Amino acid sequence: MGLLDNMKAKLAPAKDKVSDLARQHGDKVQHGIDRAAQAVDERTKGKYSDKIHAGTGKAKDAMDRLAHKDHPGTDGPAAPTQPEGPPPTS
C-alpha cells in the first residue's frame, strides 16, 4: 500500500464529514457565498463583476459536488447549472 493510498484511507472519514455538512448546510453556505460576492462587488464598485460572478458560480458548483448532488447512484449527474446573473444589490 503506497503513501497516497494511506492518505486516502485516513482522509475518507473527513471527506464524509464534509460531505454531510455540505448536505445539511449547503443553503446557508451558498447564501454566504452570495453575500460575500455582493460585498466584494460593492467595494470594487462593479469593476470586477464578471470575475466575481464566475468565482461565485465555481464555488457553488464545488458545494454541489461536496454535497454529492451529482453523485453516482442517483438518476445520473445533475443538470449543469448556469449562473443566474450578478448577486442582488439590496
PDB file of N, CA and C in Angstrom:
ATOM      1  N   MET A   1       0.857  -1.170   0.000  1.00  0.00           N
ATOM      2  CA  MET A   1       0.000   0.000   0.000  1.00  0.00           C
ATOM      3  C   MET A   1       0.902   1.231   0.000  1.00  0.00           C
ATOM      4  N   GLY A   2       0.692   2.112  -0.940  1.00  0.00           N
ATOM      5  CA  GLY A   2       1.530   3.299  -1.083  1.00  0.00           C
ATOM      6  C   GLY A   2       1.100   4.434  -0.178  1.00  0.00           C
ATOM      7  N   LEU A   3       1.906   5.447  -0.177  1.00  0.00           N
ATOM      8  CA  LEU A   3       1.656   6.619   0.645  1.00  0.00           C
ATOM      9  C   LEU A   3       0.323   7.268   0.288  1.00  0.00           C
ATOM     10  N   LEU A   4       0.044   7.381  -0.992  1.00  0.00           N
ATOM     11  CA  LEU A   4      -1.204   8.002  -1.423  1.00  0.00           C
ATOM     12  C   LEU A   4      -2.414   7.198  -0.957  1.00  0.00           C
ATOM     13  N   ASP A   5      -2.316   5.876  -1.024  1.00  0.00           N
ATOM     14  CA  ASP A   5      -3.414   5.029  -0.558  1.00  0.00           C
ATOM     15  C   ASP A   5      -3.630   5.197   0.947  1.00  0.00           C
ATOM     16  N   ASN A   6      -2.546   5.291   1.701  1.00  0.00           N
ATOM     17  CA  ASN A   6      -2.663   5.504   3.146  1.00  0.00           C
ATOM     18  C   ASN A   6      -3.343   6.832   3.447  1.00  0.00           C
ATOM     19  N   MET A   7      -2.951   7.866   2.716  1.00  0.00           N
ATOM     20  CA  MET A   7      -3.549   9.181   2.947  1.00  0.00           C
ATOM     21  C   MET A   7      -5.027   9.180   2.600  1.00  0.00           C
ATOM     22  N   LYS A   8      -5.387   8.529   1.492  1.00  0.00           N
ATOM     23  CA  LYS A   8      -6.794   8.455   1.108  1.00  0.00           C
ATOM     24  C   LYS A   8      -7.614   7.733   2.174  1.00  0.00           C
ATOM     25  N   ALA A   9      -7.068   6.657   2.708  1.00  0.00           N
ATOM     26  CA  ALA A   9      -7.774   5.895   3.734  1.00  0.00           C
ATOM     27  C   ALA A   9      -7.972   6.715   5.003  1.00  0.00           C
ATOM     28  N   LYS A  10      -6.969   7.510   5.361  1.00  0.00           N
ATOM     29  CA  LYS A  10      -7.080   8.315   6.579  1.00  0.00           C
ATOM     30  C   LYS A  10      -7.977   9.530   6.392  1.00  0.00           C
ATOM     31  N   LEU A  11      -8.063  10.043   5.178  1.00  0.00           N
ATOM     32  CA  LEU A  11      -8.879  11.228   4.922  1.00  0.00           C
ATOM     33  C   LEU A  11     -10.330  10.902   4.574  1.00  0.00           C
ATOM     34  N   ALA A  12     -10.640   9.655   4.345  1.00  0.00           N
ATOM     35  CA  ALA A  12     -12.007   9.273   3.972  1.00  0.00           C
ATOM     36  C   ALA A  12     -13.036   9.711   5.014  1.00  0.00           C
ATOM     37  N   PRO A  13     -12.801   9.510   6.327  1.00  0.00           N
ATOM     38  CA  PRO A  13     -13.796   9.974   7.303  1.00  0.00           C
ATOM     39  C   PRO A  13     -13.994  11.493   7.256  1.00  0.00           C
ATOM     40  N   ALA A  14     -12.924  12.240   7.039  1.00  0.00           N
ATOM     41  CA  ALA A  14     -13.050  13.697   6.962  1.00  0.00           C
ATOM     42  C   ALA A  14     -13.869  14.094   5.735  1.00  0.00           C
ATOM     43  N   LYS A  15     -13.648  13.407   4.623  1.00  0.00           N
ATOM     44  CA  LYS A  15     -14.398  13.706   3.404  1.00  0.00           C
ATOM     45  C   LYS A  15     -15.886  13.423   3.621  1.00  0.00           C
ATOM     46  N   ASP A  16     -16.197  12.342   4.306  1.00  0.00           N
ATOM     47  CA  ASP A  16     -17.587  12.015   4.600  1.00  0.00           C
ATOM     48  C   ASP A  16     -18.224  13.078   5.495  1.00  0.00           C
ATOM     49  N   LYS A  17     -17.471  13.554   6.475  1.00  0.00           N
ATOM     50  CA  LYS A  17     -17.973  14.578   7.387  1.00  0.00           C
ATOM     51  C   LYS A  17     -18.256  15.877   6.630  1.00  0.00           C
ATOM     52  N   VAL A  18     -17.329  16.280   5.770  1.00  0.00           N
ATOM     53  CA  VAL A  18     -17.516  17.499   4.975  1.00  0.00           C
ATOM     54  C   VAL A  18     -18.725  17.343   4.057  1.00  0.00           C
ATOM     55  N   SER A  19     -18.869  16.172   3.478  1.00  0.00           N
ATOM     56  CA  SER A  19     -19.999  15.917   2.601  1.00  0.00           C
ATOM     57  C   SER A  19     -21.313  16.029   3.364  1.00  0.00           C
ATOM     58  N   ASP A  20     -21.365  15.456   4.566  1.00  0.00           N
ATOM     59  CA  ASP A  20     -22.572  15.554   5.394  1.00  0.00           C
ATOM     60  C   ASP A  20     -22.886  17.005   5.751  1.00  0.00           C
ATOM     61  N   LEU A  21     -21.856  17.762   6.123  1.00  0.00           N
ATOM     62  CA  LEU A  21     -22.070  19.169   6.471  1.00  0.00           C
ATOM     63  C   LEU A  21     -22.534  19.967   5.254  1.00  0.00           C
ATOM     64  N   ALA A  22     -21.997  19.652   4.095  1.00  0.00           N
ATOM     65  CA  ALA A  22     -22.413  20.343   2.868  1.00  0.00           C
ATOM     66  C   ALA A  22     -23.873  20.043   2.557  1.00  0.00           C
ATOM     67  N   ARG A  23     -24.311  18.807   2.799  1.00  0.00           N
ATOM     68  CA  ARG A  23     -25.718  18.471   2.576  1.00  0.00           C
ATOM     69  C   ARG A  23     -26.615  19.196   3.558  1.00  0.00           C
ATOM     70  N   GLN A  24     -26.205  19.258   4.830  1.00  0.00           N
ATOM     71  CA  GLN A  24     -27.031  19.859   5.861  1.00  0.00           C
ATOM     72  C   GLN A  24     -27.102  21.382   5.751  1.00  0.00           C
ATOM     73  N   HIS A  25     -25.987  22.007   5.425  1.00  0.00           N
ATOM     74  CA  HIS A  25     -25.905  23.463   5.487  1.00  0.00           C
ATOM     75  C   HIS A  25     -25.592  24.105   4.144  1.00  0.00           C
ATOM     76  N   GLY A  26     -25.802  23.391   3.071  1.00  0.00           N
ATOM     77  CA  GLY A  26     -25.472  23.904   1.744  1.00  0.00           C
ATOM     78  C   GLY A  26     -26.170  25.201   1.414  1.00  0.00           C
ATOM     79  N   ASP A  27     -27.447  25.326   1.806  1.00  0.00           N
ATOM     80  CA  ASP A  27     -28.176  26.553   1.502  1.00  0.00           C
ATOM     81  C   ASP A  27     -27.584  27.747   2.240  1.00  0.00           C
ATOM     82  N   LYS A  28     -27.153  27.542   3.476  1.00  0.00           N
ATOM     83  CA  LYS A  28     -26.543  28.626   4.248  1.00  0.00           C
ATOM     84  C   LYS A  28     -25.191  29.025   3.651  1.00  0.00           C
ATOM     85  N   VAL A  29     -24.427  28.041   3.219  1.00  0.00           N
ATOM     86  CA  VAL A  29     -23.122  28.325   2.628  1.00  0.00           C
ATOM     87  C   VAL A  29     -23.299  29.081   1.318  1.00  0.00           C
ATOM     88  N   GLN A  30     -24.233  28.642   0.501  1.00  0.00           N
ATOM     89  CA  GLN A  30     -24.448  29.318  -0.773  1.00  0.00           C
ATOM     90  C   GLN A  30     -24.966  30.738  -0.565  1.00  0.00           C
ATOM     91  N   HIS A  31     -25.789  30.941   0.454  1.00  0.00           N
ATOM     92  CA  HIS A  31     -26.238  32.287   0.783  1.00  0.00           C
ATOM     93  C   HIS A  31     -25.047  33.144   1.207  1.00  0.00           C
ATOM     94  N   GLY A  32     -24.138  32.570   1.977  1.00  0.00           N
ATOM     95  CA  GLY A  32     -22.932  33.284   2.390  1.00  0.00           C
ATOM     96  C   GLY A  32     -22.041  33.628   1.209  1.00  0.00           C
ATOM     97  N   ILE A  33     -21.945  32.721   0.259  1.00  0.00           N
ATOM     98  CA  ILE A  33     -21.173  32.985  -0.959  1.00  0.00           C
ATOM     99  C   ILE A  33     -21.769  34.180  -1.706  1.00  0.00           C
ATOM    100  N   ASP A  34     -23.101  34.201  -1.812  1.00  0.00           N
ATOM    101  CA  ASP A  34     -23.770  35.318  -2.491  1.00  0.00           C
ATOM    102  C   ASP A  34     -23.527  36.641  -1.772  1.00  0.00           C
ATOM    103  N   ARG A  35     -23.620  36.619  -0.463  1.00  0.00           N
ATOM    104  CA  ARG A  35     -23.414  37.853   0.309  1.00  0.00           C
ATOM    105  C   ARG A  35     -21.979  38.343   0.200  1.00  0.00           C
ATOM    106  N   ALA A  36     -21.034  37.415   0.241  1.00  0.00           N
ATOM    107  CA  ALA A  36     -19.624  37.801   0.109  1.00  0.00           C
ATOM    108  C   ALA A  36     -19.368  38.385  -1.277  1.00  0.00           C
ATOM    109  N   ALA A  37     -19.943  37.764  -2.298  1.00  0.00           N
ATOM    110  CA  ALA A  37     -19.772  38.269  -3.659  1.00  0.00           C
ATOM    111  C   ALA A  37     -20.369  39.665  -3.789  1.00  0.00           C
ATOM    112  N   GLN A  38     -21.516  39.859  -3.192  1.00  0.00           N
ATOM    113  CA  GLN A  38     -22.169  41.169  -3.243  1.00  0.00           C
ATOM    114  C   GLN A  38     -21.312  42.222  -2.540  1.00  0.00           C
ATOM    115  N   ALA A  39     -20.769  41.882  -1.385  1.00  0.00           N
ATOM    116  CA  ALA A  39     -19.937  42.828  -0.637  1.00  0.00           C
ATOM    117  C   ALA A  39     -18.678  43.200  -1.424  1.00  0.00           C
ATOM    118  N   VAL A  40     -18.038  42.209  -2.019  1.00  0.00           N
ATOM    119  CA  VAL A  40     -16.827  42.480  -2.796  1.00  0.00           C
ATOM    120  C   VAL A  40     -17.166  43.310  -4.026  1.00  0.00           C
ATOM    121  N   ASP A  41     -18.272  42.999  -4.667  1.00  0.00           N
ATOM    122  CA  ASP A  41     -18.678  43.742  -5.862  1.00  0.00           C
ATOM    123  C   ASP A  41     -18.954  45.212  -5.511  1.00  0.00           C
ATOM    124  N   GLU A  42     -19.582  45.442  -4.368  1.00  0.00           N
ATOM    125  CA  GLU A  42     -19.843  46.813  -3.942  1.00  0.00           C
ATOM    126  C   GLU A  42     -18.549  47.549  -3.618  1.00  0.00           C
ATOM    127  N   ARG A  43     -17.625  46.866  -2.937  1.00  0.00           N
ATOM    128  CA  ARG A  43     -16.359  47.504  -2.559  1.00  0.00           C
ATOM    129  C   ARG A  43     -15.501  47.842  -3.775  1.00  0.00           C
ATOM    130  N   THR A  44     -15.611  47.044  -4.833  1.00  0.00           N
ATOM    131  CA  THR A  44     -14.824  47.299  -6.036  1.00  0.00           C
ATOM    132  C   THR A  44     -15.617  48.113  -7.060  1.00  0.00           C
ATOM    133  N   LYS A  45     -16.806  48.564  -6.642  1.00  0.00           N
ATOM    134  CA  LYS A  45     -17.676  49.405  -7.491  1.00  0.00           C
ATOM    135  C   LYS A  45     -17.976  48.757  -8.839  1.00  0.00           C
ATOM    136  N   GLY A  46     -18.136  47.436  -8.835  1.00  0.00           N
ATOM    137  CA  GLY A  46     -18.529  46.708 -10.040  1.00  0.00           C
ATOM    138  C   GLY A  46     -17.426  46.492 -11.055  1.00  0.00           C
ATOM    139  N   LYS A  47     -16.226  46.902 -10.719  1.00  0.00           N
ATOM    140  CA  LYS A  47     -15.126  46.802 -11.674  1.00  0.00           C
ATOM    141  C   LYS A  47     -14.811  45.350 -12.053  1.00  0.00           C
ATOM    142  N   TYR A  48     -14.993  44.440 -11.121  1.00  0.00           N
ATOM    143  CA  TYR A  48     -14.646  43.030 -11.344  1.00  0.00           C
ATOM    144  C   TYR A  48     -15.882  42.122 -11.300  1.00  0.00           C
ATOM    145  N   SER A  49     -17.030  42.654 -11.629  1.00  0.00           N
ATOM    146  CA  SER A  49     -18.283  41.891 -11.522  1.00  0.00           C
ATOM    147  C   SER A  49     -18.238  40.568 -12.265  1.00  0.00           C
ATOM    148  N   ASP A  50     -17.686  40.575 -13.477  1.00  0.00           N
ATOM    149  CA  ASP A  50     -17.661  39.336 -14.256  1.00  0.00           C
ATOM    150  C   ASP A  50     -16.789  38.283 -13.592  1.00  0.00           C
ATOM    151  N   LYS A  51     -15.674  38.685 -13.023  1.00  0.00           N
ATOM    152  CA  LYS A  51     -14.789  37.730 -12.346  1.00  0.00           C
ATOM    153  C   LYS A  51     -15.398  37.238 -11.035  1.00  0.00           C
ATOM    154  N   ILE A  52     -16.041  38.149 -10.325  1.00  0.00           N
ATOM    155  CA  ILE A  52     -16.710  37.768  -9.074  1.00  0.00           C
ATOM    156  C   ILE A  52     -17.832  36.787  -9.369  1.00  0.00           C
ATOM    157  N   HIS A  53     -18.582  37.064 -10.417  1.00  0.00           N
ATOM    158  CA  HIS A  53     -19.699  36.194 -10.798  1.00  0.00           C
ATOM    159  C   HIS A  53     -19.192  34.801 -11.192  1.00  0.00           C
ATOM    160  N   ALA A  54     -18.105  34.752 -11.937  1.00  0.00           N
ATOM    161  CA  ALA A  54     -17.536  33.462 -12.345  1.00  0.00           C
ATOM    162  C   ALA A  54     -17.047  32.683 -11.121  1.00  0.00           C
ATOM    163  N   GLY A  55     -16.394  33.358 -10.210  1.00  0.00           N
ATOM    164  CA  GLY A  55     -15.905  32.696  -9.000  1.00  0.00           C
ATOM    165  C   GLY A  55     -17.041  32.193  -8.128  1.00  0.00           C
ATOM    166  N   THR A  56     -18.108  32.965  -8.065  1.00  0.00           N
ATOM    167  CA  THR A  56     -19.280  32.558  -7.290  1.00  0.00           C
ATOM    168  C   THR A  56     -19.889  31.285  -7.876  1.00  0.00           C
ATOM    169  N   GLY A  57     -19.994  31.229  -9.185  1.00  0.00           N
ATOM    170  CA  GLY A  57     -20.532  30.031  -9.836  1.00  0.00           C
ATOM    171  C   GLY A  57     -19.671  28.807  -9.580  1.00  0.00           C
ATOM    172  N   LYS A  58     -18.359  28.989  -9.630  1.00  0.00           N
ATOM    173  CA  LYS A  58     -17.456  27.864  -9.376  1.00  0.00           C
ATOM    174  C   LYS A  58     -17.545  27.400  -7.926  1.00  0.00           C
ATOM    175  N   ALA A  59     -17.673  28.343  -7.008  1.00  0.00           N
ATOM    176  CA  ALA A  59     -17.796  27.973  -5.591  1.00  0.00           C
ATOM    177  C   ALA A  59     -19.086  27.205  -5.338  1.00  0.00           C
ATOM    178  N   LYS A  60     -20.168  27.630  -5.975  1.00  0.00           N
ATOM    179  CA  LYS A  60     -21.448  26.925  -5.808  1.00  0.00           C
ATOM    180  C   LYS A  60     -21.388  25.528  -6.430  1.00  0.00           C
ATOM    181  N   ASP A  61     -20.732  25.403  -7.578  1.00  0.00           N
ATOM    182  CA  ASP A  61     -20.570  24.082  -8.193  1.00  0.00           C
ATOM    183  C   ASP A  61     -19.764  23.159  -7.283  1.00  0.00           C
ATOM    184  N   ALA A  62     -18.740  23.704  -6.650  1.00  0.00           N
ATOM    185  CA  ALA A  62     -17.930  22.906  -5.731  1.00  0.00           C
ATOM    186  C   ALA A  62     -18.773  22.449  -4.542  1.00  0.00           C
ATOM    187  N   MET A  63     -19.641  23.314  -4.044  1.00  0.00           N
ATOM    188  CA  MET A  63     -20.530  22.927  -2.942  1.00  0.00           C
ATOM    189  C   MET A  63     -21.464  21.810  -3.375  1.00  0.00           C
ATOM    190  N   ASP A  64     -21.974  21.903  -4.584  1.00  0.00           N
ATOM    191  CA  ASP A  64     -22.852  20.842  -5.089  1.00  0.00           C
ATOM    192  C   ASP A  64     -22.107  19.511  -5.169  1.00  0.00           C
ATOM    193  N   ARG A  65     -20.860  19.559  -5.627  1.00  0.00           N
ATOM    194  CA  ARG A  65     -20.065  18.329  -5.706  1.00  0.00           C
ATOM    195  C   ARG A  65     -19.803  17.775  -4.315  1.00  0.00           C
ATOM    196  N   LEU A  66     -19.508  18.642  -3.355  1.00  0.00           N
ATOM    197  CA  LEU A  66     -19.270  18.175  -1.992  1.00  0.00           C
ATOM    198  C   LEU A  66     -20.518  17.531  -1.402  1.00  0.00           C
ATOM    199  N   ALA A  67     -21.653  18.077  -1.740  1.00  0.00           N
ATOM    200  CA  ALA A  67     -22.909  17.545  -1.209  1.00  0.00           C
ATOM    201  C   ALA A  67     -23.363  16.304  -1.969  1.00  0.00           C
ATOM    202  N   HIS A  68     -22.580  15.870  -2.953  1.00  0.00           N
ATOM    203  CA  HIS A  68     -22.875  14.674  -3.759  1.00  0.00           C
ATOM    204  C   HIS A  68     -24.203  14.790  -4.488  1.00  0.00           C
ATOM    205  N   LYS A  69     -24.567  15.989  -4.905  1.00  0.00           N
ATOM    206  CA  LYS A  69     -25.808  16.138  -5.653  1.00  0.00           C
ATOM    207  C   LYS A  69     -25.709  15.497  -7.016  1.00  0.00           C
ATOM    208  N   ASP A  70     -24.484  15.346  -7.534  1.00  0.00           N
ATOM    209  CA  ASP A  70     -24.314  14.675  -8.825  1.00  0.00           C
ATOM    210  C   ASP A  70     -23.577  13.361  -8.635  1.00  0.00           C
ATOM    211  N   HIS A  71     -23.733  12.750  -7.491  1.00  0.00           N
ATOM    212  CA  HIS A  71     -23.050  11.507  -7.141  1.00  0.00           C
ATOM    213  C   HIS A  71     -23.688  10.335  -7.863  1.00  0.00           C
ATOM    214  N   PRO A  72     -22.893   9.392  -8.373  1.00  0.00           N
ATOM    215  CA  PRO A  72     -23.474   8.198  -8.975  1.00  0.00           C
ATOM    216  C   PRO A  72     -24.351   7.470  -7.967  1.00  0.00           C
ATOM    217  N   GLY A  73     -25.409   6.892  -8.441  1.00  0.00           N
ATOM    218  CA  GLY A  73     -26.348   6.222  -7.554  1.00  0.00           C
ATOM    219  C   GLY A  73     -27.671   6.967  -7.567  1.00  0.00           C
ATOM    220  N   THR A  74     -27.639   8.183  -8.053  1.00  0.00           N
ATOM    221  CA  THR A  74     -28.886   8.893  -8.284  1.00  0.00           C
ATOM    222  C   THR A  74     -29.279   8.608  -9.725  1.00  0.00           C
ATOM    223  N   ASP A  75     -30.140   9.407 -10.267  1.00  0.00           N
ATOM    224  CA  ASP A  75     -30.554   9.185 -11.648  1.00  0.00           C
ATOM    225  C   ASP A  75     -29.496   9.612 -12.649  1.00  0.00           C
ATOM    226  N   GLY A  76     -28.353  10.028 -12.174  1.00  0.00           N
ATOM    227  CA  GLY A  76     -27.289  10.484 -13.058  1.00  0.00           C
ATOM    228  C   GLY A  76     -26.836  11.848 -12.602  1.00  0.00           C
ATOM    229  N   PRO A  77     -25.937  12.430 -13.342  1.00  0.00           N
ATOM    230  CA  PRO A  77     -25.468  13.742 -12.943  1.00  0.00           C
ATOM    231  C   PRO A  77     -26.574  14.788 -13.020  1.00  0.00           C
ATOM    232  N   ALA A  78     -26.483  15.721 -12.126  1.00  0.00           N
ATOM    233  CA  ALA A  78     -27.458  16.804 -12.136  1.00  0.00           C
ATOM    234  C   ALA A  78     -27.259  17.645 -13.381  1.00  0.00           C
ATOM    235  N   ALA A  79     -28.314  18.303 -13.778  1.00  0.00           N
ATOM    236  CA  ALA A  79     -28.208  19.169 -14.949  1.00  0.00           C
ATOM    237  C   ALA A  79     -27.216  20.282 -14.654  1.00  0.00           C
ATOM    238  N   PRO A  80     -26.409  20.645 -15.620  1.00  0.00           N
ATOM    239  CA  PRO A  80     -25.441  21.702 -15.368  1.00  0.00           C
ATOM    240  C   PRO A  80     -26.156  22.999 -15.018  1.00  0.00           C
ATOM    241  N   THR A  81     -25.638  23.676 -14.010  1.00  0.00           N
ATOM    242  CA  THR A  81     -26.271  24.905 -13.572  1.00  0.00           C
ATOM    243  C   THR A  81     -25.615  26.087 -14.255  1.00  0.00           C
ATOM    244  N   GLN A  82     -26.436  26.987 -14.705  1.00  0.00           N
ATOM    245  CA  GLN A  82     -25.949  28.212 -15.313  1.00  0.00           C
ATOM    246  C   GLN A  82     -26.122  29.322 -14.290  1.00  0.00           C
ATOM    247  N   PRO A  83     -25.146  30.196 -14.147  1.00  0.00           N
ATOM    248  CA  PRO A  83     -25.299  31.304 -13.219  1.00  0.00           C
ATOM    249  C   PRO A  83     -26.504  32.146 -13.609  1.00  0.00           C
ATOM    250  N   GLU A  84     -27.233  32.604 -12.608  1.00  0.00           N
ATOM    251  CA  GLU A  84     -28.460  33.352 -12.850  1.00  0.00           C
ATOM    252  C   GLU A  84     -28.200  34.804 -13.162  1.00  0.00           C
ATOM    253  N   GLY A  85     -27.077  35.315 -12.796  1.00  0.00           N
ATOM    254  CA  GLY A  85     -26.759  36.705 -13.001  1.00  0.00           C
ATOM    255  C   GLY A  85     -25.966  37.204 -11.809  1.00  0.00           C
ATOM    256  N   PRO A  86     -25.689  38.480 -11.763  1.00  0.00           N
ATOM    257  CA  PRO A  86     -24.916  39.005 -10.636  1.00  0.00           C
ATOM    258  C   PRO A  86     -25.737  38.914  -9.355  1.00  0.00           C
ATOM    259  N   PRO A  87     -25.059  38.885  -8.210  1.00  0.00           N
ATOM    260  CA  PRO A  87     -25.780  38.808  -6.950  1.00  0.00           C
ATOM    261  C   PRO A  87     -26.674  40.040  -6.763  1.00  0.00           C
ATOM    262  N   PRO A  88     -27.760  39.891  -6.005  1.00  0.00           N
ATOM    263  CA  PRO A  88     -28.660  41.023  -5.778  1.00  0.00           C
ATOM    264  C   PRO A  88     -27.931  42.171  -5.072  1.00  0.00           C
ATOM    265  N   THR A  89     -28.349  43.382  -5.361  1.00  0.00           N
ATOM    266  CA  THR A  89     -27.693  44.567  -4.789  1.00  0.00           C
ATOM    267  C   THR A  89     -28.588  45.288  -3.804  1.00  0.00           C
ATOM    268  N   SER A  90     -29.164  44.557  -2.878  1.00  0.00           N
ATOM    269  CA  SER A  90     -30.004  45.220  -1.884  1.00  0.00           C
ATOM    270  C   SER A  90     -29.461  45.028  -0.502  1.00  0.00           C
TER     271      SER A  90
END
